[in-house]
């Protein structure tokens, strides 16, 4: 998998949240990740929301796929509702 992101947004994430986009890359390899289409509005492209684990912590990541690249748009620590969704899915498997 090849990844890209806006460096300014990644730097802002590091400054505001304590991690950059590279830190959440292991989420994409979590076999129990939850992914759904982000249909909150029309972005002009298909965006995905993912809840997945990296570094023993759950993250909520928004990304899109452009040709052969996965572009990370945003990332944050998962909230309690998202953690519960992930755990519920984990218990199914």
PDB file of N, CA and C in Angstrom:
ATOM      1  N   UNK A   1       0.842  -1.176   0.000  1.00  0.00           N
ATOM      2  CA  UNK A   1       0.000   0.000   0.000  1.00  0.00           C
ATOM      3  C   UNK A   1       0.886   1.238   0.000  1.00  0.00           C
ATOM      4  N   UNK A   2       0.535   2.213  -0.800  1.00  0.00           N
ATOM      5  CA  UNK A   2       1.256   3.483  -0.835  1.00  0.00           C
ATOM      6  C   UNK A   2       0.378   4.565  -0.233  1.00  0.00           C
ATOM      7  N   UNK A   3       0.998   5.435   0.554  1.00  0.00           N
ATOM      8  CA  UNK A   3       0.262   6.471   1.265  1.00  0.00           C
ATOM      9  C   UNK A   3       0.803   7.851   0.931  1.00  0.00           C
ATOM     10  N   UNK A   4      -0.086   8.833   1.074  1.00  0.00           N
ATOM     11  CA  UNK A   4       0.302  10.237   0.962  1.00  0.00           C
ATOM     12  C   UNK A   4      -0.604  11.040   1.874  1.00  0.00           C
ATOM     13  N   UNK A   5      -0.194  12.269   2.152  1.00  0.00           N
ATOM     14  CA  UNK A   5      -0.997  13.186   2.950  1.00  0.00           C
ATOM     15  C   UNK A   5      -0.423  14.579   2.813  1.00  0.00           C
ATOM     16  N   UNK A   6      -1.200  15.530   3.254  1.00  0.00           N
ATOM     17  CA  UNK A   6      -0.782  16.923   3.289  1.00  0.00           C
ATOM     18  C   UNK A   6       0.121  17.094   4.513  1.00  0.00           C
ATOM     19  N   UNK A   7       1.367  17.460   4.290  1.00  0.00           N
ATOM     20  CA  UNK A   7       2.332  17.585   5.392  1.00  0.00           C
ATOM     21  C   UNK A   7       1.905  18.621   6.424  1.00  0.00           C
ATOM     22  N   UNK A   8       1.293  19.717   5.974  1.00  0.00           N
ATOM     23  CA  UNK A   8       0.844  20.740   6.917  1.00  0.00           C
ATOM     24  C   UNK A   8      -0.228  20.189   7.850  1.00  0.00           C
ATOM     25  N   UNK A   9      -1.170  19.411   7.300  1.00  0.00           N
ATOM     26  CA  UNK A   9      -2.213  18.808   8.133  1.00  0.00           C
ATOM     27  C   UNK A   9      -1.620  17.776   9.089  1.00  0.00           C
ATOM     28  N   UNK A  10      -0.659  17.020   8.613  1.00  0.00           N
ATOM     29  CA  UNK A  10       0.001  16.037   9.468  1.00  0.00           C
ATOM     30  C   UNK A  10       0.758  16.731  10.602  1.00  0.00           C
ATOM     31  N   UNK A  11       1.450  17.810  10.288  1.00  0.00           N
ATOM     32  CA  UNK A  11       2.170  18.578  11.310  1.00  0.00           C
ATOM     33  C   UNK A  11       1.208  19.189  12.321  1.00  0.00           C
ATOM     34  N   UNK A  12       0.057  19.662  11.844  1.00  0.00           N
ATOM     35  CA  UNK A  12      -0.951  20.225  12.745  1.00  0.00           C
ATOM     36  C   UNK A  12      -1.498  19.141  13.674  1.00  0.00           C
ATOM     37  N   UNK A  13      -1.700  17.954  13.134  1.00  0.00           N
ATOM     38  CA  UNK A  13      -2.160  16.825  13.934  1.00  0.00           C
ATOM     39  C   UNK A  13      -1.128  16.507  15.023  1.00  0.00           C
ATOM     40  N   UNK A  14       0.136  16.516  14.670  1.00  0.00           N
ATOM     41  CA  UNK A  14       1.199  16.273  15.645  1.00  0.00           C
ATOM     42  C   UNK A  14       1.181  17.334  16.733  1.00  0.00           C
ATOM     43  N   UNK A  15       1.054  18.564  16.342  1.00  0.00           N
ATOM     44  CA  UNK A  15       1.042  19.671  17.290  1.00  0.00           C
ATOM     45  C   UNK A  15      -0.188  19.620  18.199  1.00  0.00           C
ATOM     46  N   UNK A  16      -1.361  19.365  17.609  1.00  0.00           N
ATOM     47  CA  UNK A  16      -2.614  19.420  18.362  1.00  0.00           C
ATOM     48  C   UNK A  16      -2.968  18.122  19.080  1.00  0.00           C
ATOM     49  N   UNK A  17      -2.558  16.982  18.502  1.00  0.00           N
ATOM     50  CA  UNK A  17      -3.022  15.691  19.032  1.00  0.00           C
ATOM     51  C   UNK A  17      -1.899  14.773  19.494  1.00  0.00           C
ATOM     52  N   UNK A  18      -0.666  15.171  19.232  1.00  0.00           N
ATOM     53  CA  UNK A  18       0.463  14.395  19.731  1.00  0.00           C
ATOM     54  C   UNK A  18       0.955  13.281  18.824  1.00  0.00           C
ATOM     55  N   UNK A  19       0.430  13.190  17.619  1.00  0.00           N
ATOM     56  CA  UNK A  19       0.895  12.191  16.654  1.00  0.00           C
ATOM     57  C   UNK A  19       0.678  12.728  15.248  1.00  0.00           C
ATOM     58  N   UNK A  20       1.501  12.258  14.316  1.00  0.00           N
ATOM     59  CA  UNK A  20       1.333  12.665  12.919  1.00  0.00           C
ATOM     60  C   UNK A  20       0.647  11.543  12.148  1.00  0.00           C
ATOM     61  N   UNK A  21       0.386  11.760  10.878  1.00  0.00           N
ATOM     62  CA  UNK A  21      -0.338  10.773  10.078  1.00  0.00           C
ATOM     63  C   UNK A  21       0.463   9.479   9.908  1.00  0.00           C
ATOM     64  N   UNK A  22       1.769   9.562   9.852  1.00  0.00           N
ATOM     65  CA  UNK A  22       2.579   8.348   9.716  1.00  0.00           C
ATOM     66  C   UNK A  22       2.359   7.408  10.900  1.00  0.00           C
ATOM     67  N   UNK A  23       2.064   7.964  12.049  1.00  0.00           N
ATOM     68  CA  UNK A  23       1.866   7.164  13.262  1.00  0.00           C
ATOM     69  C   UNK A  23       0.667   6.229  13.145  1.00  0.00           C
ATOM     70  N   UNK A  24      -0.344   6.602  12.369  1.00  0.00           N
ATOM     71  CA  UNK A  24      -1.555   5.776  12.256  1.00  0.00           C
ATOM     72  C   UNK A  24      -1.501   4.783  11.087  1.00  0.00           C
ATOM     73  N   UNK A  25      -0.414   4.730  10.363  1.00  0.00           N
ATOM     74  CA  UNK A  25      -0.322   3.798   9.229  1.00  0.00           C
ATOM     75  C   UNK A  25      -0.605   2.343   9.618  1.00  0.00           C
ATOM     76  N   UNK A  26      -0.181   1.863  10.797  1.00  0.00           N
ATOM     77  CA  UNK A  26      -0.512   0.478  11.160  1.00  0.00           C
ATOM     78  C   UNK A  26      -2.016   0.196  11.205  1.00  0.00           C
ATOM     79  N   UNK A  27      -2.839   1.219  11.350  1.00  0.00           N
ATOM     80  CA  UNK A  27      -4.300   1.032  11.344  1.00  0.00           C
ATOM     81  C   UNK A  27      -4.765   0.346  10.060  1.00  0.00           C
ATOM     82  N   UNK A  28      -4.114   0.649   8.967  1.00  0.00           N
ATOM     83  CA  UNK A  28      -4.532   0.099   7.675  1.00  0.00           C
ATOM     84  C   UNK A  28      -4.273  -1.406   7.573  1.00  0.00           C
ATOM     85  N   UNK A  29      -3.497  -1.937   8.485  1.00  0.00           N
ATOM     86  CA  UNK A  29      -3.177  -3.364   8.482  1.00  0.00           C
ATOM     87  C   UNK A  29      -3.844  -4.117   9.634  1.00  0.00           C
ATOM     88  N   UNK A  30      -4.663  -3.425  10.403  1.00  0.00           N
ATOM     89  CA  UNK A  30      -5.395  -4.053  11.504  1.00  0.00           C
ATOM     90  C   UNK A  30      -6.456  -4.979  10.908  1.00  0.00           C
ATOM     91  N   UNK A  31      -6.390  -6.281  11.164  1.00  0.00           N
ATOM     92  CA  UNK A  31      -7.373  -7.197  10.572  1.00  0.00           C
ATOM     93  C   UNK A  31      -8.797  -6.979  11.083  1.00  0.00           C
ATOM     94  N   UNK A  32      -8.946  -6.262  12.189  1.00  0.00           N
ATOM     95  CA  UNK A  32     -10.270  -6.017  12.770  1.00  0.00           C
ATOM     96  C   UNK A  32     -10.769  -4.595  12.533  1.00  0.00           C
ATOM     97  N   UNK A  33     -10.112  -3.870  11.644  1.00  0.00           N
ATOM     98  CA  UNK A  33     -10.502  -2.478  11.386  1.00  0.00           C
ATOM     99  C   UNK A  33     -11.948  -2.409  10.897  1.00  0.00           C
ATOM    100  N   UNK A  34     -12.610  -1.327  11.256  1.00  0.00           N
ATOM    101  CA  UNK A  34     -13.963  -1.049  10.776  1.00  0.00           C
ATOM    102  C   UNK A  34     -13.863   0.076   9.763  1.00  0.00           C
ATOM    103  N   UNK A  35     -14.430  -0.121   8.593  1.00  0.00           N
ATOM    104  CA  UNK A  35     -14.378   0.891   7.536  1.00  0.00           C
ATOM    105  C   UNK A  35     -15.780   1.102   6.996  1.00  0.00           C
ATOM    106  N   UNK A  36     -16.149   2.367   6.835  1.00  0.00           N
ATOM    107  CA  UNK A  36     -17.421   2.698   6.195  1.00  0.00           C
ATOM    108  C   UNK A  36     -17.234   3.943   5.348  1.00  0.00           C
ATOM    109  N   UNK A  37     -18.100   4.101   4.368  1.00  0.00           N
ATOM    110  CA  UNK A  37     -18.053   5.295   3.523  1.00  0.00           C
ATOM    111  C   UNK A  37     -18.478   6.504   4.345  1.00  0.00           C
ATOM    112  N   UNK A  38     -17.756   7.582   4.197  1.00  0.00           N
ATOM    113  CA  UNK A  38     -18.077   8.851   4.861  1.00  0.00           C
ATOM    114  C   UNK A  38     -19.079   9.588   3.985  1.00  0.00           C
ATOM    115  N   UNK A  39     -20.337   9.514   4.358  1.00  0.00           N
ATOM    116  CA  UNK A  39     -21.386  10.154   3.549  1.00  0.00           C
ATOM    117  C   UNK A  39     -22.010  11.354   4.252  1.00  0.00           C
ATOM    118  N   UNK A  40     -21.246  11.988   5.130  1.00  0.00           N
ATOM    119  CA  UNK A  40     -21.768  13.164   5.835  1.00  0.00           C
ATOM    120  C   UNK A  40     -22.078  14.303   4.876  1.00  0.00           C
ATOM    121  N   UNK A  41     -21.342  14.361   3.765  1.00  0.00           N
ATOM    122  CA  UNK A  41     -21.607  15.351   2.721  1.00  0.00           C
ATOM    123  C   UNK A  41     -20.903  14.935   1.447  1.00  0.00           C
ATOM    124  N   UNK A  42     -21.132  15.671   0.379  1.00  0.00           N
ATOM    125  CA  UNK A  42     -20.498  15.365  -0.904  1.00  0.00           C
ATOM    126  C   UNK A  42     -19.124  16.031  -0.943  1.00  0.00           C
ATOM    127  N   UNK A  43     -18.092  15.225  -0.942  1.00  0.00           N
ATOM    128  CA  UNK A  43     -16.722  15.736  -0.961  1.00  0.00           C
ATOM    129  C   UNK A  43     -16.144  15.782  -2.374  1.00  0.00           C
ATOM    130  N   UNK A  44     -16.894  15.299  -3.346  1.00  0.00           N
ATOM    131  CA  UNK A  44     -16.386  15.235  -4.704  1.00  0.00           C
ATOM    132  C   UNK A  44     -15.536  13.999  -4.954  1.00  0.00           C
ATOM    133  N   UNK A  45     -15.405  13.165  -3.950  1.00  0.00           N
ATOM    134  CA  UNK A  45     -14.680  11.901  -4.045  1.00  0.00           C
ATOM    135  C   UNK A  45     -15.197  10.997  -2.930  1.00  0.00           C
ATOM    136  N   UNK A  46     -14.976   9.712  -3.053  1.00  0.00           N
ATOM    137  CA  UNK A  46     -15.397   8.786  -2.003  1.00  0.00           C
ATOM    138  C   UNK A  46     -14.376   8.850  -0.872  1.00  0.00           C
ATOM    139  N   UNK A  47     -14.883   9.112   0.326  1.00  0.00           N
ATOM    140  CA  UNK A  47     -14.033   9.117   1.513  1.00  0.00           C
ATOM    141  C   UNK A  47     -14.481   8.002   2.443  1.00  0.00           C
ATOM    142  N   UNK A  48     -13.518   7.485   3.171  1.00  0.00           N
ATOM    143  CA  UNK A  48     -13.786   6.393   4.094  1.00  0.00           C
ATOM    144  C   UNK A  48     -13.442   6.808   5.516  1.00  0.00           C
ATOM    145  N   UNK A  49     -14.226   6.289   6.462  1.00  0.00           N
ATOM    146  CA  UNK A  49     -13.952   6.451   7.881  1.00  0.00           C
ATOM    147  C   UNK A  49     -13.493   5.096   8.402  1.00  0.00           C
ATOM    148  N   UNK A  50     -12.422   5.098   9.158  1.00  0.00           N
ATOM    149  CA  UNK A  50     -11.888   3.843   9.673  1.00  0.00           C
ATOM    150  C   UNK A  50     -11.639   3.961  11.169  1.00  0.00           C
ATOM    151  N   UNK A  51     -12.050   2.939  11.900  1.00  0.00           N
ATOM    152  CA  UNK A  51     -11.693   2.798  13.306  1.00  0.00           C
ATOM    153  C   UNK A  51     -10.775   1.587  13.361  1.00  0.00           C
ATOM    154  N   UNK A  52      -9.558   1.798  13.848  1.00  0.00           N
ATOM    155  CA  UNK A  52      -8.586   0.709  13.847  1.00  0.00           C
ATOM    156  C   UNK A  52      -7.516   0.967  14.902  1.00  0.00           C
ATOM    157  N   UNK A  53      -6.762  -0.087  15.161  1.00  0.00           N
ATOM    158  CA  UNK A  53      -5.753  -0.026  16.209  1.00  0.00           C
ATOM    159  C   UNK A  53      -4.352   0.165  15.643  1.00  0.00           C
ATOM    160  N   UNK A  54      -3.593   1.009  16.338  1.00  0.00           N
ATOM    161  CA  UNK A  54      -2.166   1.190  16.068  1.00  0.00           C
ATOM    162  C   UNK A  54      -1.500   1.504  17.400  1.00  0.00           C
ATOM    163  N   UNK A  55      -0.390   0.875  17.672  1.00  0.00           N
ATOM    164  CA  UNK A  55       0.370   1.153  18.894  1.00  0.00           C
ATOM    165  C   UNK A  55      -0.491   0.968  20.152  1.00  0.00           C
ATOM    166  N   UNK A  56      -1.344  -0.063  20.136  1.00  0.00           N
ATOM    167  CA  UNK A  56      -2.194  -0.429  21.272  1.00  0.00           C
ATOM    168  C   UNK A  56      -3.221   0.647  21.630  1.00  0.00           C
ATOM    169  N   UNK A  57      -3.594   1.445  20.640  1.00  0.00           N
ATOM    170  CA  UNK A  57      -4.588   2.499  20.836  1.00  0.00           C
ATOM    171  C   UNK A  57      -5.497   2.531  19.613  1.00  0.00           C
ATOM    172  N   UNK A  58      -6.755   2.947  19.808  1.00  0.00           N
ATOM    173  CA  UNK A  58      -7.692   3.034  18.688  1.00  0.00           C
ATOM    174  C   UNK A  58      -7.723   4.445  18.120  1.00  0.00           C
ATOM    175  N   UNK A  59      -7.774   4.515  16.796  1.00  0.00           N
ATOM    176  CA  UNK A  59      -7.804   5.787  16.086  1.00  0.00           C
ATOM    177  C   UNK A  59      -8.961   5.817  15.101  1.00  0.00           C
ATOM    178  N   UNK A  60      -9.448   7.010  14.837  1.00  0.00           N
ATOM    179  CA  UNK A  60     -10.472   7.269  13.829  1.00  0.00           C
ATOM    180  C   UNK A  60      -9.767   8.027  12.713  1.00  0.00           C
ATOM    181  N   UNK A  61      -9.715   7.430  11.538  1.00  0.00           N
ATOM    182  CA  UNK A  61      -8.983   8.004  10.409  1.00  0.00           C
ATOM    183  C   UNK A  61      -9.908   8.161   9.213  1.00  0.00           C
ATOM    184  N   UNK A  62      -9.814   9.292   8.546  1.00  0.00           N
ATOM    185  CA  UNK A  62     -10.556   9.527   7.307  1.00  0.00           C
ATOM    186  C   UNK A  62      -9.537   9.528   6.174  1.00  0.00           C
ATOM    187  N   UNK A  63      -9.882   8.809   5.102  1.00  0.00           N
ATOM    188  CA  UNK A  63      -8.965   8.716   3.969  1.00  0.00           C
ATOM    189  C   UNK A  63      -9.742   8.527   2.675  1.00  0.00           C
ATOM    190  N   UNK A  64      -9.035   8.673   1.580  1.00  0.00           N
ATOM    191  CA  UNK A  64      -9.593   8.408   0.260  1.00  0.00           C
ATOM    192  C   UNK A  64      -8.563   7.622  -0.540  1.00  0.00           C
ATOM    193  N   UNK A  65      -9.013   6.980  -1.592  1.00  0.00           N
ATOM    194  CA  UNK A  65      -8.100   6.230  -2.457  1.00  0.00           C
ATOM    195  C   UNK A  65      -8.067   6.935  -3.804  1.00  0.00           C
ATOM    196  N   UNK A  66      -6.876   7.306  -4.220  1.00  0.00           N
ATOM    197  CA  UNK A  66      -6.673   7.990  -5.499  1.00  0.00           C
ATOM    198  C   UNK A  66      -5.718   7.163  -6.347  1.00  0.00           C
ATOM    199  N   UNK A  67      -6.268   6.533  -7.351  1.00  0.00           N
ATOM    200  CA  UNK A  67      -5.519   5.643  -8.243  1.00  0.00           C
ATOM    201  C   UNK A  67      -4.811   4.583  -7.389  1.00  0.00           C
ATOM    202  N   UNK A  68      -3.508   4.664  -7.225  1.00  0.00           N
ATOM    203  CA  UNK A  68      -2.792   3.649  -6.450  1.00  0.00           C
ATOM    204  C   UNK A  68      -2.322   4.171  -5.094  1.00  0.00           C
ATOM    205  N   UNK A  69      -2.846   5.330  -4.685  1.00  0.00           N
ATOM    206  CA  UNK A  69      -2.436   5.936  -3.420  1.00  0.00           C
ATOM    207  C   UNK A  69      -3.598   6.021  -2.445  1.00  0.00           C
ATOM    208  N   UNK A  70      -3.313   5.767  -1.190  1.00  0.00           N
ATOM    209  CA  UNK A  70      -4.267   6.015  -0.122  1.00  0.00           C
ATOM    210  C   UNK A  70      -3.867   7.341   0.502  1.00  0.00           C
ATOM    211  N   UNK A  71      -4.774   8.319   0.450  1.00  0.00           N
ATOM    212  CA  UNK A  71      -4.485   9.652   0.972  1.00  0.00           C
ATOM    213  C   UNK A  71      -5.184   9.841   2.306  1.00  0.00           C
ATOM    214  N   UNK A  72      -4.403  10.045   3.356  1.00  0.00           N
ATOM    215  CA  UNK A  72      -4.956  10.292   4.686  1.00  0.00           C
ATOM    216  C   UNK A  72      -5.387  11.746   4.754  1.00  0.00           C
ATOM    217  N   UNK A  73      -6.632  11.945   5.186  1.00  0.00           N
ATOM    218  CA  UNK A  73      -7.208  13.282   5.261  1.00  0.00           C
ATOM    219  C   UNK A  73      -7.181  13.807   6.691  1.00  0.00           C
ATOM    220  N   UNK A  74      -7.507  12.932   7.648  1.00  0.00           N
ATOM    221  CA  UNK A  74      -7.474  13.334   9.052  1.00  0.00           C
ATOM    222  C   UNK A  74      -7.348  12.104   9.931  1.00  0.00           C
ATOM    223  N   UNK A  75      -6.909  12.324  11.159  1.00  0.00           N
ATOM    224  CA  UNK A  75      -6.791  11.236  12.129  1.00  0.00           C
ATOM    225  C   UNK A  75      -6.903  11.829  13.531  1.00  0.00           C
ATOM    226  N   UNK A  76      -7.527  11.048  14.402  1.00  0.00           N
ATOM    227  CA  UNK A  76      -7.642  11.431  15.809  1.00  0.00           C
ATOM    228  C   UNK A  76      -7.820  10.161  16.623  1.00  0.00           C
ATOM    229  N   UNK A  77      -7.671  10.287  17.932  1.00  0.00           N
ATOM    230  CA  UNK A  77      -7.942   9.154  18.805  1.00  0.00           C
ATOM    231  C   UNK A  77      -9.433   8.876  18.766  1.00  0.00           C
ATOM    232  N   UNK A  78      -9.797   7.612  18.785  1.00  0.00           N
ATOM    233  CA  UNK A  78     -11.209   7.225  18.743  1.00  0.00           C
ATOM    234  C   UNK A  78     -11.915   7.664  20.024  1.00  0.00           C
ATOM    235  N   UNK A  79     -13.178   8.073  19.876  1.00  0.00           N
ATOM    236  CA  UNK A  79     -13.970   8.430  21.054  1.00  0.00           C
ATOM    237  C   UNK A  79     -14.623   7.169  21.628  1.00  0.00           C
ATOM    238  N   UNK A  80     -15.322   7.312  22.743  1.00  0.00           N
ATOM    239  CA  UNK A  80     -15.898   6.167  23.442  1.00  0.00           C
ATOM    240  C   UNK A  80     -16.888   5.389  22.577  1.00  0.00           C
ATOM    241  N   UNK A  81     -17.724   6.083  21.841  1.00  0.00           N
ATOM    242  CA  UNK A  81     -18.694   5.408  20.962  1.00  0.00           C
ATOM    243  C   UNK A  81     -17.974   4.578  19.908  1.00  0.00           C
ATOM    244  N   UNK A  82     -16.921   5.131  19.346  1.00  0.00           N
ATOM    245  CA  UNK A  82     -16.150   4.427  18.317  1.00  0.00           C
ATOM    246  C   UNK A  82     -15.404   3.226  18.904  1.00  0.00           C
ATOM    247  N   UNK A  83     -14.896   3.395  20.109  1.00  0.00           N
ATOM    248  CA  UNK A  83     -14.227   2.283  20.795  1.00  0.00           C
ATOM    249  C   UNK A  83     -15.211   1.141  21.018  1.00  0.00           C
ATOM    250  N   UNK A  84     -16.415   1.468  21.453  1.00  0.00           N
ATOM    251  CA  UNK A  84     -17.440   0.436  21.676  1.00  0.00           C
ATOM    252  C   UNK A  84     -17.799  -0.281  20.376  1.00  0.00           C
ATOM    253  N   UNK A  85     -17.906   0.458  19.280  1.00  0.00           N
ATOM    254  CA  UNK A  85     -18.198  -0.162  17.980  1.00  0.00           C
ATOM    255  C   UNK A  85     -17.095  -1.134  17.587  1.00  0.00           C
ATOM    256  N   UNK A  86     -15.865  -0.724  17.774  1.00  0.00           N
ATOM    257  CA  UNK A  86     -14.727  -1.578  17.443  1.00  0.00           C
ATOM    258  C   UNK A  86     -14.745  -2.844  18.302  1.00  0.00           C
ATOM    259  N   UNK A  87     -14.965  -2.669  19.609  1.00  0.00           N
ATOM    260  CA  UNK A  87     -14.982  -3.814  20.520  1.00  0.00           C
ATOM    261  C   UNK A  87     -16.129  -4.762  20.207  1.00  0.00           C
ATOM    262  N   UNK A  88     -17.279  -4.217  19.841  1.00  0.00           N
ATOM    263  CA  UNK A  88     -18.423  -5.055  19.468  1.00  0.00           C
ATOM    264  C   UNK A  88     -18.077  -5.894  18.243  1.00  0.00           C
ATOM    265  N   UNK A  89     -17.449  -5.275  17.266  1.00  0.00           N
ATOM    266  CA  UNK A  89     -17.026  -5.993  16.066  1.00  0.00           C
ATOM    267  C   UNK A  89     -15.969  -7.046  16.409  1.00  0.00           C
ATOM    268  N   UNK A  90     -15.067  -6.709  17.297  1.00  0.00           N
ATOM    269  CA  UNK A  90     -14.008  -7.627  17.707  1.00  0.00           C
ATOM    270  C   UNK A  90     -14.600  -8.874  18.364  1.00  0.00           C
ATOM    271  N   UNK A  91     -15.631  -8.681  19.169  1.00  0.00           N
ATOM    272  CA  UNK A  91     -16.270  -9.805  19.858  1.00  0.00           C
ATOM    273  C   UNK A  91     -17.040 -10.710  18.904  1.00  0.00           C
ATOM    274  N   UNK A  92     -17.448 -10.181  17.751  1.00  0.00           N
ATOM    275  CA  UNK A  92     -18.126 -10.998  16.737  1.00  0.00           C
ATOM    276  C   UNK A  92     -17.159 -11.979  16.093  1.00  0.00           C
ATOM    277  N   UNK A  93     -15.907 -11.565  15.992  1.00  0.00           N
ATOM    278  CA  UNK A  93     -14.904 -12.383  15.288  1.00  0.00           C
ATOM    279  C   UNK A  93     -14.225 -13.276  16.235  1.00  0.00           C
TER     280      UNK A  93
END
